[in-house]
């Protein structure tokens, strides 16, 4: 991995669709963006902060997260997601996360991701 500084920022601005709602993901009648979708947005945002620093064959995978889902987000309206790299401990990178929609704080939290070597991380082949 190439050097990276604390405070490195990641940004991601998706426009969620109806398929991103809790209702579409198994919670009938709930037409707001689901927590699992917001966590996906968190991971994508954290990756945006580090992707240009990764060497070929490296990836980041989520290892720990804490979230506060504070308000509903609605499909069809952009969600503004930002992370800041808060800590580096060996192969562990902790990102602070906030997501807003039309100025309202939707979710905040932390994501710790681990740097992995894809050649060692991939699933083993299974012989019949």
Protein backbone atom coordinates (compact mmCIF):
# COMPACT_ATOMS: atom_id res chain seq x y z
CA UNK A 1 0.00 0.00 0.00
CA UNK A 2 1.16 3.48 -0.83
CA UNK A 3 1.46 5.95 2.06
CA UNK A 4 -1.80 7.51 3.24
CA UNK A 5 -2.36 10.30 5.73
CA UNK A 6 -4.78 10.46 8.63
CA UNK A 7 -7.71 12.62 7.67
CA UNK A 8 -7.91 11.22 4.13
CA UNK A 9 -11.47 11.87 2.96
CA UNK A 10 -13.81 9.63 1.02
CA UNK A 11 -16.99 10.87 -0.66
CA UNK A 12 -19.90 8.99 -2.19
CA UNK A 13 -23.20 10.51 -3.29
CA UNK A 14 -25.67 7.82 -4.32
CA UNK A 15 -29.30 8.37 -5.19
CA UNK A 16 -31.09 5.43 -3.57
CA UNK A 17 -33.82 3.65 -5.48
CA UNK A 18 -36.92 1.73 -4.42
CA UNK A 19 -34.81 -1.45 -4.31
CA UNK A 20 -32.72 0.16 -1.53
CA UNK A 21 -35.70 0.46 0.82
CA UNK A 22 -36.36 -1.69 3.84
CA UNK A 23 -39.65 -2.72 2.21
CA UNK A 24 -37.86 -4.12 -0.83
CA UNK A 25 -35.44 -5.96 1.44
CA UNK A 26 -37.98 -7.88 3.49
CA UNK A 27 -39.61 -5.35 5.82
CA UNK A 28 -42.99 -4.82 4.10
CA UNK A 29 -44.43 -1.33 4.07
CA UNK A 30 -41.22 0.46 5.11
CA UNK A 31 -40.47 2.77 2.20
CA UNK A 32 -37.28 4.35 3.51
CA UNK A 33 -33.66 3.42 2.79
CA UNK A 34 -32.66 0.37 4.82
CA UNK A 35 -29.89 0.25 7.39
CA UNK A 36 -28.03 -2.46 5.39
CA UNK A 37 -28.06 -0.17 2.34
CA UNK A 38 -26.71 2.70 4.44
CA UNK A 39 -23.93 0.40 5.71
CA UNK A 40 -23.09 -0.42 2.07
CA UNK A 41 -22.86 3.32 1.41
CA UNK A 42 -20.51 3.57 4.41
CA UNK A 43 -18.21 0.86 3.02
CA UNK A 44 -18.15 2.43 -0.44
CA UNK A 45 -17.32 5.82 1.04
CA UNK A 46 -14.47 4.44 3.14
CA UNK A 47 -13.11 2.62 0.09
CA UNK A 48 -13.16 5.90 -1.86
CA UNK A 49 -10.77 7.35 0.74
CA UNK A 50 -8.15 4.64 0.24
CA UNK A 51 -8.59 3.16 -3.25
CA UNK A 52 -5.87 5.22 -4.96
CA UNK A 53 -3.40 4.10 -2.29
CA UNK A 54 -3.94 0.37 -2.83
CA UNK A 55 -1.39 -1.64 -4.75
CA UNK A 56 -2.49 -4.23 -7.33
CA UNK A 57 -3.77 -7.34 -5.56
CA UNK A 58 -4.75 -5.46 -2.38
CA UNK A 59 -8.24 -4.78 -1.07
CA UNK A 60 -9.93 -3.46 2.03
CA UNK A 61 -12.60 -5.50 3.80
CA UNK A 62 -14.87 -4.42 6.62
CA UNK A 63 -14.03 -5.86 10.04
CA UNK A 64 -15.95 -3.81 12.58
CA UNK A 65 -18.64 -1.17 12.43
CA UNK A 66 -20.73 0.90 14.73
CA UNK A 67 -23.62 2.95 13.43
CA UNK A 68 -26.36 5.21 14.63
CA UNK A 69 -29.20 5.31 12.11
CA UNK A 70 -30.73 8.61 13.25
CA UNK A 71 -33.32 9.57 10.63
CA UNK A 72 -35.00 8.15 7.53
CA UNK A 73 -33.49 8.58 4.09
CA UNK A 74 -35.85 8.56 1.13
CA UNK A 75 -35.42 6.97 -2.30
CA UNK A 76 -34.92 9.30 -5.24
CA UNK A 77 -33.00 11.91 -3.21
CA UNK A 78 -29.19 12.06 -3.12
CA UNK A 79 -27.47 10.90 0.07
CA UNK A 80 -24.19 12.70 0.77
CA UNK A 81 -21.70 10.37 2.46
CA UNK A 82 -18.31 11.40 3.83
CA UNK A 83 -15.62 9.49 5.70
CA UNK A 84 -12.43 10.67 7.31
CA UNK A 85 -9.56 8.30 8.07
CA UNK A 86 -9.30 8.54 11.86
CA UNK A 87 -6.75 5.86 12.77
CA UNK A 88 -4.25 3.44 11.27
CA UNK A 89 -3.04 0.45 13.28
CA UNK A 90 -0.95 -1.87 11.12
CA UNK A 91 -3.37 -3.25 8.52
CA UNK A 92 -6.45 -1.77 10.28
CA UNK A 93 -7.91 1.51 9.07
CA UNK A 94 -10.68 3.23 11.03
CA UNK A 95 -12.95 5.67 9.22
CA UNK A 96 -15.47 8.08 10.76
CA UNK A 97 -18.64 8.29 8.70
CA UNK A 98 -21.56 10.68 8.26
CA UNK A 99 -24.44 10.55 5.81
CA UNK A 100 -26.87 13.40 5.22
CA UNK A 101 -29.85 13.92 2.96
CA UNK A 102 -31.00 17.45 2.22
CA UNK A 103 -28.98 18.67 5.21
CA UNK A 104 -30.43 16.16 7.70
CA UNK A 105 -28.03 13.81 9.48
CA UNK A 106 -29.17 10.29 8.56
CA UNK A 107 -26.41 8.06 9.90
CA UNK A 108 -23.05 8.36 11.60
CA UNK A 109 -20.57 5.82 12.80
CA UNK A 110 -17.19 4.20 12.42
CA UNK A 111 -15.95 1.50 10.11
CA UNK A 112 -12.73 -0.41 10.66
CA UNK A 113 -11.46 -2.08 7.51
CA UNK A 114 -8.50 -4.41 7.12
CA UNK A 115 -5.98 -4.38 4.28
CA UNK A 116 -5.81 -7.83 2.69
CA UNK A 117 -3.70 -9.54 0.05
CA UNK A 118 -6.29 -10.93 -2.36
CA UNK A 119 -4.12 -13.89 -3.33
CA UNK A 120 -4.19 -15.07 0.31
CA UNK A 121 -7.72 -13.92 1.10
CA UNK A 122 -9.71 -15.59 -1.67
CA UNK A 123 -11.86 -18.60 -0.85
CA UNK A 124 -10.05 -21.93 -1.17
CA UNK A 125 -11.08 -24.14 -4.05
CA UNK A 126 -13.08 -27.15 -3.01
CA UNK A 127 -12.23 -30.45 -4.63
CA UNK A 128 -15.18 -32.82 -5.23
